Structures are given as C-alpha cells and as structure tokens.
Amino acid sequence: MRKLGRYWYLRLRRRSNPDRLARGLAAGVFAGMFPLFGLQMILAVLLSTLIKGDQLLAMAGTWVSNPFTYLPLFTFNFQVGRWLIQAKLEFIYPNSWAETLNLGRQFLLVWFAGCLVVGAIGALVAYLGGLWFFQHIRRQNYSGQVKSGGGNKA
C-alpha cells in the first residue's frame, strides 16, 4: 500500500501544471456532491474537460461521496436546499433511482438546489486547497532537483 501511495505521489509531482490539476479536482468534488450514483465520474470528466482540468483527478474528486459519507452528505445538501427554497419537506433517503424519481419534483428541486450550492462551495475549497497543494509539491520537486543536481564534487 505504501508503494502504491508513493507511486501516485510521484506521478502527481510530474503531471501537468498545478492549476490544471486543481481544476480537475474541483470538478470531481462538485460532481461528487450530487446523488447521481453511477454518473458522478462521467459528470466529473465532462466538467473537467469543459474547464480544461485533469480528468484523473476529477474522477478521484468524486470520492468525496462514498458509502460512508452518502447519508450525512446528501442529508446536509437537502437541508441546505430546504433552507434556500424555504420548503417544508423532510429528507427521505432513497434506495434506488425509481424511489428517487417517486419522491416528486419539489423534493428533487430542493435536494439538487442544495447539492448545487454545497457542490459550488466544495469545488471552490477543493480548487484553492488543491492549487496550494499542487504548487507546494511542484516547488518541492524543483527545489529537490536543484539540490540533487548541483553540489560539490570532491
């Protein structure tokens, strides 16, 4: 597991520019905020392509929603949507697409409004945090090359 982590770390250090990487991560986090099971990665790649972000990091960014975070994340998104739209609905977690569609238009509107707002905020945080992180890695990479490239030859 450690070797795999090191492999991905080194791959990110060499890959693309920090802004492109951060845009891809932001697109993935945005897409991951929506309850579009099975479509989140497709949406992330499409968004990433539109904003010229890294598609691999867009797919990874969707992991913000996973089986451990679905319920709290989507409940929170619903509550945000309910507050925005001032709807008097209670959150019901659907177990399938058919159940989701049967919840009605107003429920879906409230839920997706919350997902849109939380997704936009999450994408902004992911972009800014990712940009800082990838720039930091890039600086380490260049300073490491300078340190190991030069030196005294005795």
N, C-alpha and C. Protein backbone atom coordinates (compact mmCIF):
# COMPACT_ATOMS: atom_id res chain seq x y z
N MET A 1 0.83 -1.18 0.00
CA MET A 1 0.00 0.00 0.00
C MET A 1 0.87 1.25 0.00
N ARG A 2 1.98 1.20 0.76
CA ARG A 2 2.87 2.35 0.82
C ARG A 2 3.52 2.62 -0.55
N LYS A 3 3.89 1.54 -1.25
CA LYS A 3 4.49 1.70 -2.58
C LYS A 3 3.49 2.33 -3.55
N LEU A 4 2.24 1.91 -3.46
CA LEU A 4 1.20 2.46 -4.33
C LEU A 4 1.00 3.96 -4.05
N GLY A 5 0.97 4.32 -2.77
CA GLY A 5 0.84 5.73 -2.40
C GLY A 5 2.02 6.54 -2.91
N ARG A 6 3.21 6.02 -2.78
CA ARG A 6 4.42 6.70 -3.28
C ARG A 6 4.37 6.86 -4.79
N TYR A 7 3.91 5.81 -5.48
CA TYR A 7 3.78 5.86 -6.94
C TYR A 7 2.87 7.02 -7.36
N TRP A 8 1.68 7.11 -6.72
CA TRP A 8 0.73 8.17 -7.09
C TRP A 8 1.26 9.54 -6.71
N TYR A 9 1.95 9.63 -5.59
CA TYR A 9 2.54 10.91 -5.18
C TYR A 9 3.55 11.38 -6.23
N LEU A 10 4.45 10.50 -6.64
CA LEU A 10 5.45 10.87 -7.65
C LEU A 10 4.80 11.18 -8.99
N ARG A 11 3.76 10.45 -9.33
CA ARG A 11 3.06 10.71 -10.59
C ARG A 11 2.43 12.11 -10.58
N LEU A 12 1.84 12.50 -9.45
CA LEU A 12 1.26 13.84 -9.35
C LEU A 12 2.33 14.92 -9.40
N ARG A 13 3.50 14.63 -8.85
CA ARG A 13 4.58 15.62 -8.87
C ARG A 13 5.01 15.92 -10.30
N ARG A 14 4.93 14.94 -11.16
CA ARG A 14 5.40 15.11 -12.54
C ARG A 14 4.30 15.54 -13.50
N ARG A 15 3.06 15.40 -13.10
CA ARG A 15 1.93 15.53 -14.00
C ARG A 15 1.44 16.97 -14.12
N SER A 16 1.38 17.49 -15.31
CA SER A 16 0.66 18.72 -15.64
C SER A 16 1.01 19.89 -14.74
N ASN A 17 0.27 20.98 -14.91
CA ASN A 17 0.51 22.14 -14.06
C ASN A 17 -0.48 22.16 -12.90
N PRO A 18 -0.12 22.83 -11.81
CA PRO A 18 -0.96 22.82 -10.62
C PRO A 18 -2.38 23.34 -10.86
N ASP A 19 -2.54 24.34 -11.69
CA ASP A 19 -3.87 24.89 -11.95
C ASP A 19 -4.77 23.87 -12.63
N ARG A 20 -4.23 23.15 -13.59
CA ARG A 20 -5.00 22.12 -14.31
C ARG A 20 -5.40 20.99 -13.36
N LEU A 21 -4.48 20.60 -12.48
CA LEU A 21 -4.77 19.55 -11.51
C LEU A 21 -5.87 20.01 -10.55
N ALA A 22 -5.76 21.24 -10.06
CA ALA A 22 -6.75 21.76 -9.11
C ALA A 22 -8.12 21.90 -9.76
N ARG A 23 -8.16 22.30 -11.02
CA ARG A 23 -9.46 22.39 -11.72
C ARG A 23 -10.10 21.03 -11.85
N GLY A 24 -9.31 20.01 -12.15
CA GLY A 24 -9.85 18.65 -12.23
C GLY A 24 -10.39 18.18 -10.90
N LEU A 25 -9.65 18.42 -9.84
CA LEU A 25 -10.10 18.03 -8.50
C LEU A 25 -11.40 18.75 -8.14
N ALA A 26 -11.49 20.03 -8.44
CA ALA A 26 -12.69 20.81 -8.14
C ALA A 26 -13.90 20.27 -8.92
N ALA A 27 -13.70 19.92 -10.19
CA ALA A 27 -14.80 19.36 -10.99
C ALA A 27 -15.29 18.05 -10.37
N GLY A 28 -14.38 17.23 -9.90
CA GLY A 28 -14.76 15.97 -9.27
C GLY A 28 -15.51 16.15 -7.97
N VAL A 29 -15.05 17.09 -7.15
CA VAL A 29 -15.74 17.35 -5.88
C VAL A 29 -17.14 17.88 -6.16
N PHE A 30 -17.26 18.78 -7.13
CA PHE A 30 -18.58 19.31 -7.49
C PHE A 30 -19.51 18.17 -7.91
N ALA A 31 -19.06 17.32 -8.81
CA ALA A 31 -19.88 16.21 -9.29
C ALA A 31 -20.19 15.22 -8.18
N GLY A 32 -19.26 15.04 -7.26
CA GLY A 32 -19.45 14.10 -6.17
C GLY A 32 -20.52 14.53 -5.17
N MET A 33 -20.91 15.79 -5.20
CA MET A 33 -21.93 16.28 -4.28
C MET A 33 -23.35 15.93 -4.73
N PHE A 34 -23.50 15.42 -5.93
CA PHE A 34 -24.82 15.09 -6.46
C PHE A 34 -25.10 13.61 -6.30
N PRO A 35 -26.33 13.25 -5.99
CA PRO A 35 -26.68 11.83 -5.79
C PRO A 35 -26.94 11.12 -7.12
N LEU A 36 -25.99 11.22 -8.00
CA LEU A 36 -26.12 10.62 -9.33
C LEU A 36 -25.25 9.37 -9.39
N PHE A 37 -25.63 8.38 -8.61
CA PHE A 37 -24.84 7.16 -8.49
C PHE A 37 -24.61 6.54 -9.86
N GLY A 38 -23.36 6.26 -10.14
CA GLY A 38 -23.01 5.68 -11.43
C GLY A 38 -22.75 6.72 -12.50
N LEU A 39 -23.15 7.96 -12.25
CA LEU A 39 -22.95 9.02 -13.25
C LEU A 39 -21.99 10.10 -12.75
N GLN A 40 -21.60 10.03 -11.50
CA GLN A 40 -20.74 11.08 -10.94
C GLN A 40 -19.42 11.19 -11.69
N MET A 41 -18.79 10.07 -11.97
CA MET A 41 -17.49 10.11 -12.65
C MET A 41 -17.64 10.62 -14.08
N ILE A 42 -18.71 10.23 -14.73
CA ILE A 42 -18.95 10.73 -16.10
C ILE A 42 -19.15 12.23 -16.07
N LEU A 43 -19.97 12.72 -15.14
CA LEU A 43 -20.19 14.16 -14.99
C LEU A 43 -18.87 14.87 -14.66
N ALA A 44 -18.07 14.29 -13.79
CA ALA A 44 -16.79 14.89 -13.41
C ALA A 44 -15.85 15.01 -14.60
N VAL A 45 -15.77 13.97 -15.40
CA VAL A 45 -14.89 14.00 -16.58
C VAL A 45 -15.39 15.03 -17.59
N LEU A 46 -16.71 15.09 -17.79
CA LEU A 46 -17.26 16.09 -18.72
C LEU A 46 -16.99 17.51 -18.24
N LEU A 47 -17.23 17.77 -16.96
CA LEU A 47 -16.96 19.09 -16.40
C LEU A 47 -15.47 19.43 -16.49
N SER A 48 -14.65 18.46 -16.15
CA SER A 48 -13.21 18.67 -16.19
C SER A 48 -12.74 18.98 -17.61
N THR A 49 -13.32 18.31 -18.57
CA THR A 49 -12.97 18.58 -19.97
C THR A 49 -13.37 20.00 -20.35
N LEU A 50 -14.55 20.42 -19.91
CA LEU A 50 -15.03 21.78 -20.21
C LEU A 50 -14.13 22.86 -19.62
N ILE A 51 -13.63 22.63 -18.43
CA ILE A 51 -12.81 23.65 -17.78
C ILE A 51 -11.31 23.37 -17.91
N LYS A 52 -10.98 22.43 -18.76
CA LYS A 52 -9.59 22.05 -19.04
C LYS A 52 -8.85 21.64 -17.76
N GLY A 53 -9.50 20.74 -17.02
CA GLY A 53 -8.91 20.19 -15.80
C GLY A 53 -8.40 18.78 -16.05
N ASP A 54 -7.78 18.21 -15.07
CA ASP A 54 -7.24 16.86 -15.15
C ASP A 54 -8.36 15.84 -14.91
N GLN A 55 -8.60 14.98 -15.88
CA GLN A 55 -9.71 14.03 -15.78
C GLN A 55 -9.48 12.98 -14.71
N LEU A 56 -8.24 12.55 -14.51
CA LEU A 56 -7.95 11.54 -13.49
C LEU A 56 -8.28 12.08 -12.10
N LEU A 57 -7.89 13.32 -11.82
CA LEU A 57 -8.21 13.91 -10.52
C LEU A 57 -9.69 14.24 -10.41
N ALA A 58 -10.34 14.51 -11.52
CA ALA A 58 -11.79 14.73 -11.48
C ALA A 58 -12.49 13.45 -11.01
N MET A 59 -12.06 12.32 -11.55
CA MET A 59 -12.66 11.06 -11.11
C MET A 59 -12.37 10.81 -9.63
N ALA A 60 -11.16 11.10 -9.21
CA ALA A 60 -10.80 10.89 -7.80
C ALA A 60 -11.59 11.83 -6.89
N GLY A 61 -11.86 13.04 -7.35
CA GLY A 61 -12.59 14.01 -6.55
C GLY A 61 -14.02 13.58 -6.22
N THR A 62 -14.58 12.72 -7.05
CA THR A 62 -15.95 12.25 -6.78
C THR A 62 -16.00 11.37 -5.54
N TRP A 63 -14.85 10.91 -5.08
CA TRP A 63 -14.81 10.03 -3.91
C TRP A 63 -15.18 10.78 -2.63
N VAL A 64 -15.41 12.09 -2.73
CA VAL A 64 -15.90 12.84 -1.57
C VAL A 64 -17.22 12.23 -1.10
N SER A 65 -17.96 11.68 -2.04
CA SER A 65 -19.17 10.93 -1.67
C SER A 65 -18.88 9.45 -1.89
N ASN A 66 -19.02 8.70 -0.84
CA ASN A 66 -18.75 7.27 -0.88
C ASN A 66 -19.74 6.60 0.08
N PRO A 67 -19.78 5.31 0.14
CA PRO A 67 -20.78 4.67 1.01
C PRO A 67 -20.76 5.14 2.47
N PHE A 68 -19.63 5.65 2.95
CA PHE A 68 -19.56 6.13 4.33
C PHE A 68 -20.09 7.55 4.48
N THR A 69 -20.07 8.33 3.40
CA THR A 69 -20.49 9.73 3.51
C THR A 69 -21.81 10.03 2.82
N TYR A 70 -22.38 9.09 2.08
CA TYR A 70 -23.63 9.36 1.34
C TYR A 70 -24.70 9.97 2.22
N LEU A 71 -25.07 9.26 3.26
CA LEU A 71 -26.20 9.69 4.08
C LEU A 71 -25.98 11.06 4.72
N PRO A 72 -24.86 11.29 5.43
CA PRO A 72 -24.69 12.62 6.02
C PRO A 72 -24.54 13.72 4.97
N LEU A 73 -23.82 13.45 3.90
CA LEU A 73 -23.60 14.46 2.87
C LEU A 73 -24.90 14.84 2.16
N PHE A 74 -25.65 13.85 1.73
CA PHE A 74 -26.87 14.15 0.98
C PHE A 74 -27.98 14.69 1.88
N THR A 75 -27.97 14.30 3.15
CA THR A 75 -28.91 14.89 4.10
C THR A 75 -28.58 16.37 4.31
N PHE A 76 -27.30 16.67 4.46
CA PHE A 76 -26.87 18.06 4.61
C PHE A 76 -27.24 18.87 3.37
N ASN A 77 -26.97 18.32 2.19
CA ASN A 77 -27.32 19.02 0.94
C ASN A 77 -28.82 19.31 0.88
N PHE A 78 -29.62 18.34 1.31
CA PHE A 78 -31.06 18.53 1.31
C PHE A 78 -31.45 19.65 2.28
N GLN A 79 -30.85 19.66 3.45
CA GLN A 79 -31.16 20.70 4.43
C GLN A 79 -30.79 22.09 3.92
N VAL A 80 -29.67 22.19 3.22
CA VAL A 80 -29.27 23.47 2.62
C VAL A 80 -30.29 23.88 1.57
N GLY A 81 -30.71 22.96 0.72
CA GLY A 81 -31.73 23.26 -0.29
C GLY A 81 -33.05 23.64 0.33
N ARG A 82 -33.41 22.95 1.38
CA ARG A 82 -34.67 23.25 2.09
C ARG A 82 -34.62 24.66 2.68
N TRP A 83 -33.48 25.04 3.22
CA TRP A 83 -33.31 26.38 3.78
C TRP A 83 -33.36 27.44 2.66
N LEU A 84 -32.71 27.16 1.54
CA LEU A 84 -32.69 28.11 0.42
C LEU A 84 -34.08 28.34 -0.16
N ILE A 85 -34.80 27.25 -0.37
CA ILE A 85 -36.11 27.32 -1.03
C ILE A 85 -37.24 27.52 -0.03
N GLN A 86 -36.95 27.38 1.24
CA GLN A 86 -37.95 27.51 2.31
C GLN A 86 -39.08 26.48 2.14
N ALA A 87 -38.67 25.25 1.87
CA ALA A 87 -39.64 24.16 1.68
C ALA A 87 -39.91 23.46 3.00
N LYS A 88 -41.08 22.95 3.13
CA LYS A 88 -41.49 22.22 4.35
C LYS A 88 -41.48 20.71 4.06
N LEU A 89 -40.33 20.20 3.67
CA LEU A 89 -40.20 18.78 3.35
C LEU A 89 -39.23 18.12 4.32
N GLU A 90 -39.39 16.84 4.49
CA GLU A 90 -38.46 16.05 5.28
C GLU A 90 -37.62 15.21 4.34
N PHE A 91 -36.38 14.97 4.72
CA PHE A 91 -35.49 14.18 3.89
C PHE A 91 -35.80 12.70 4.02
N ILE A 92 -35.91 12.05 2.89
CA ILE A 92 -36.10 10.60 2.82
C ILE A 92 -34.99 10.08 1.92
N TYR A 93 -34.16 9.21 2.44
CA TYR A 93 -33.05 8.70 1.64
C TYR A 93 -33.55 7.57 0.74
N PRO A 94 -33.51 7.79 -0.57
CA PRO A 94 -33.99 6.75 -1.49
C PRO A 94 -32.95 5.64 -1.66
N ASN A 95 -33.44 4.44 -1.92
CA ASN A 95 -32.55 3.29 -2.12
C ASN A 95 -32.33 2.93 -3.58
N SER A 96 -33.03 3.61 -4.47
CA SER A 96 -32.89 3.29 -5.89
C SER A 96 -33.29 4.51 -6.72
N TRP A 97 -32.99 4.44 -8.02
CA TRP A 97 -33.39 5.51 -8.94
C TRP A 97 -34.91 5.64 -8.97
N ALA A 98 -35.59 4.51 -8.99
CA ALA A 98 -37.06 4.54 -9.05
C ALA A 98 -37.62 5.25 -7.82
N GLU A 99 -37.08 4.93 -6.65
CA GLU A 99 -37.52 5.60 -5.43
C GLU A 99 -37.22 7.09 -5.48
N THR A 100 -36.06 7.43 -6.01
CA THR A 100 -35.68 8.85 -6.12
C THR A 100 -36.67 9.60 -6.98
N LEU A 101 -37.01 9.03 -8.12
CA LEU A 101 -37.94 9.70 -9.04
C LEU A 101 -39.35 9.79 -8.45
N ASN A 102 -39.72 8.84 -7.61
CA ASN A 102 -41.04 8.85 -6.99
C ASN A 102 -41.18 9.87 -5.86
N LEU A 103 -40.08 10.49 -5.45
CA LEU A 103 -40.15 11.47 -4.37
C LEU A 103 -40.78 12.79 -4.81
N GLY A 104 -40.87 13.00 -6.09
CA GLY A 104 -41.54 14.19 -6.61
C GLY A 104 -40.60 15.31 -7.02
N ARG A 105 -41.12 16.20 -7.84
CA ARG A 105 -40.34 17.31 -8.37
C ARG A 105 -39.84 18.26 -7.29
N GLN A 106 -40.71 18.62 -6.35
CA GLN A 106 -40.30 19.58 -5.34
C GLN A 106 -39.16 19.01 -4.48
N PHE A 107 -39.26 17.74 -4.12
CA PHE A 107 -38.21 17.09 -3.34
C PHE A 107 -36.89 17.14 -4.11
N LEU A 108 -36.94 16.77 -5.39
CA LEU A 108 -35.72 16.76 -6.21
C LEU A 108 -35.17 18.17 -6.41
N LEU A 109 -36.05 19.14 -6.58
CA LEU A 109 -35.61 20.53 -6.73
C LEU A 109 -34.88 21.00 -5.47
N VAL A 110 -35.45 20.73 -4.31
CA VAL A 110 -34.83 21.11 -3.04
C VAL A 110 -33.49 20.41 -2.89
N TRP A 111 -33.48 19.12 -3.14
CA TRP A 111 -32.25 18.33 -2.98
C TRP A 111 -31.15 18.82 -3.91
N PHE A 112 -31.48 19.00 -5.20
CA PHE A 112 -30.46 19.40 -6.16
C PHE A 112 -30.04 20.85 -5.98
N ALA A 113 -30.92 21.71 -5.47
CA ALA A 113 -30.51 23.08 -5.17
C ALA A 113 -29.44 23.07 -4.08
N GLY A 114 -29.66 22.25 -3.06
CA GLY A 114 -28.65 22.12 -2.01
C GLY A 114 -27.36 21.53 -2.54
N CYS A 115 -27.47 20.53 -3.40
CA CYS A 115 -26.28 19.92 -3.99
C CYS A 115 -25.49 20.93 -4.82
N LEU A 116 -26.21 21.77 -5.53
CA LEU A 116 -25.56 22.79 -6.37
C LEU A 116 -24.78 23.77 -5.51
N VAL A 117 -25.40 24.27 -4.45
CA VAL A 117 -24.73 25.25 -3.58
C VAL A 117 -23.56 24.60 -2.83
N VAL A 118 -23.80 23.47 -2.19
CA VAL A 118 -22.74 22.79 -1.45
C VAL A 118 -21.64 22.35 -2.41
N GLY A 119 -22.02 21.89 -3.61
CA GLY A 119 -21.03 21.49 -4.61
C GLY A 119 -20.17 22.65 -5.06
N ALA A 120 -20.77 23.82 -5.25
CA ALA A 120 -20.00 25.00 -5.67
C ALA A 120 -19.01 25.41 -4.58
N ILE A 121 -19.48 25.40 -3.33
CA ILE A 121 -18.58 25.74 -2.22
C ILE A 121 -17.47 24.69 -2.09
N GLY A 122 -17.85 23.42 -2.18
CA GLY A 122 -16.86 22.34 -2.11
C GLY A 122 -15.85 22.43 -3.24
N ALA A 123 -16.31 22.76 -4.43
CA ALA A 123 -15.42 22.89 -5.58
C ALA A 123 -14.44 24.04 -5.38
N LEU A 124 -14.92 25.14 -4.84
CA LEU A 124 -14.04 26.29 -4.59
C LEU A 124 -12.97 25.94 -3.55
N VAL A 125 -13.39 25.28 -2.48
CA VAL A 125 -12.44 24.86 -1.45
C VAL A 125 -11.44 23.86 -2.03
N ALA A 126 -11.94 22.90 -2.82
CA ALA A 126 -11.06 21.89 -3.43
C ALA A 126 -10.09 22.56 -4.40
N TYR A 127 -10.56 23.53 -5.17
CA TYR A 127 -9.68 24.21 -6.12
C TYR A 127 -8.58 24.96 -5.38
N LEU A 128 -8.96 25.77 -4.39
CA LEU A 128 -7.96 26.57 -3.67
C LEU A 128 -7.00 25.69 -2.88
N GLY A 129 -7.54 24.69 -2.18
CA GLY A 129 -6.68 23.76 -1.44
C GLY A 129 -5.81 22.93 -2.36
N GLY A 130 -6.40 22.46 -3.45
CA GLY A 130 -5.64 21.67 -4.43
C GLY A 130 -4.55 22.50 -5.10
N LEU A 131 -4.87 23.74 -5.44
CA LEU A 131 -3.89 24.62 -6.08
C LEU A 131 -2.70 24.83 -5.13
N TRP A 132 -2.99 25.12 -3.86
CA TRP A 132 -1.91 25.29 -2.90
C TRP A 132 -1.08 24.01 -2.80
N PHE A 133 -1.77 22.86 -2.67
CA PHE A 133 -1.08 21.58 -2.51
C PHE A 133 -0.20 21.25 -3.72
N PHE A 134 -0.76 21.39 -4.91
CA PHE A 134 0.00 21.03 -6.11
C PHE A 134 1.14 22.01 -6.38
N GLN A 135 0.95 23.28 -6.03
CA GLN A 135 2.06 24.23 -6.15
C GLN A 135 3.15 23.89 -5.15
N HIS A 136 2.75 23.49 -3.95
CA HIS A 136 3.71 23.08 -2.92
C HIS A 136 4.52 21.88 -3.39
N ILE A 137 3.85 20.90 -3.94
CA ILE A 137 4.54 19.71 -4.47
C ILE A 137 5.49 20.11 -5.59
N ARG A 138 5.03 20.99 -6.46
CA ARG A 138 5.86 21.43 -7.58
C ARG A 138 7.11 22.14 -7.08
N ARG A 139 6.94 23.01 -6.07
CA ARG A 139 8.11 23.71 -5.51
C ARG A 139 9.09 22.71 -4.89
N GLN A 140 8.56 21.71 -4.20
CA GLN A 140 9.43 20.68 -3.61
C GLN A 140 10.17 19.93 -4.70
N ASN A 141 9.47 19.64 -5.78
CA ASN A 141 10.07 18.91 -6.89
C ASN A 141 11.22 19.71 -7.49
N TYR A 142 11.00 20.99 -7.74
CA TYR A 142 12.04 21.81 -8.35
C TYR A 142 13.19 22.06 -7.38
N SER A 143 12.91 22.29 -6.11
CA SER A 143 13.99 22.52 -5.16
C SER A 143 14.78 21.23 -4.96
N GLY A 144 14.11 20.08 -5.03
CA GLY A 144 14.80 18.79 -4.92
C GLY A 144 15.73 18.54 -6.08
N GLN A 145 15.32 18.97 -7.28
CA GLN A 145 16.16 18.80 -8.45
C GLN A 145 17.38 19.69 -8.37
N VAL A 146 17.18 20.91 -7.86
CA VAL A 146 18.29 21.84 -7.75
C VAL A 146 19.30 21.32 -6.73
N LYS A 147 18.81 20.84 -5.58
CA LYS A 147 19.70 20.35 -4.54
C LYS A 147 20.48 19.13 -5.00
N SER A 148 19.78 18.20 -5.66
CA SER A 148 20.48 16.97 -6.06
C SER A 148 21.24 17.16 -7.36
N GLY A 149 20.89 18.17 -8.14
CA GLY A 149 21.55 18.37 -9.43
C GLY A 149 22.91 19.01 -9.30
N GLY A 150 23.06 19.86 -8.31
CA GLY A 150 24.34 20.55 -8.13
C GLY A 150 25.13 19.89 -7.03
N GLY A 151 26.03 20.64 -6.50
CA GLY A 151 26.76 20.10 -5.36
C GLY A 151 28.25 20.14 -5.59
N ASN A 152 28.97 19.82 -4.55
CA ASN A 152 30.42 19.83 -4.62
C ASN A 152 30.91 18.49 -5.11
N LYS A 153 31.87 18.56 -5.98
CA LYS A 153 32.49 17.32 -6.44
C LYS A 153 33.90 17.31 -5.86
N ALA A 154 34.10 16.46 -4.91
CA ALA A 154 35.41 16.46 -4.25
C ALA A 154 36.29 15.37 -4.77
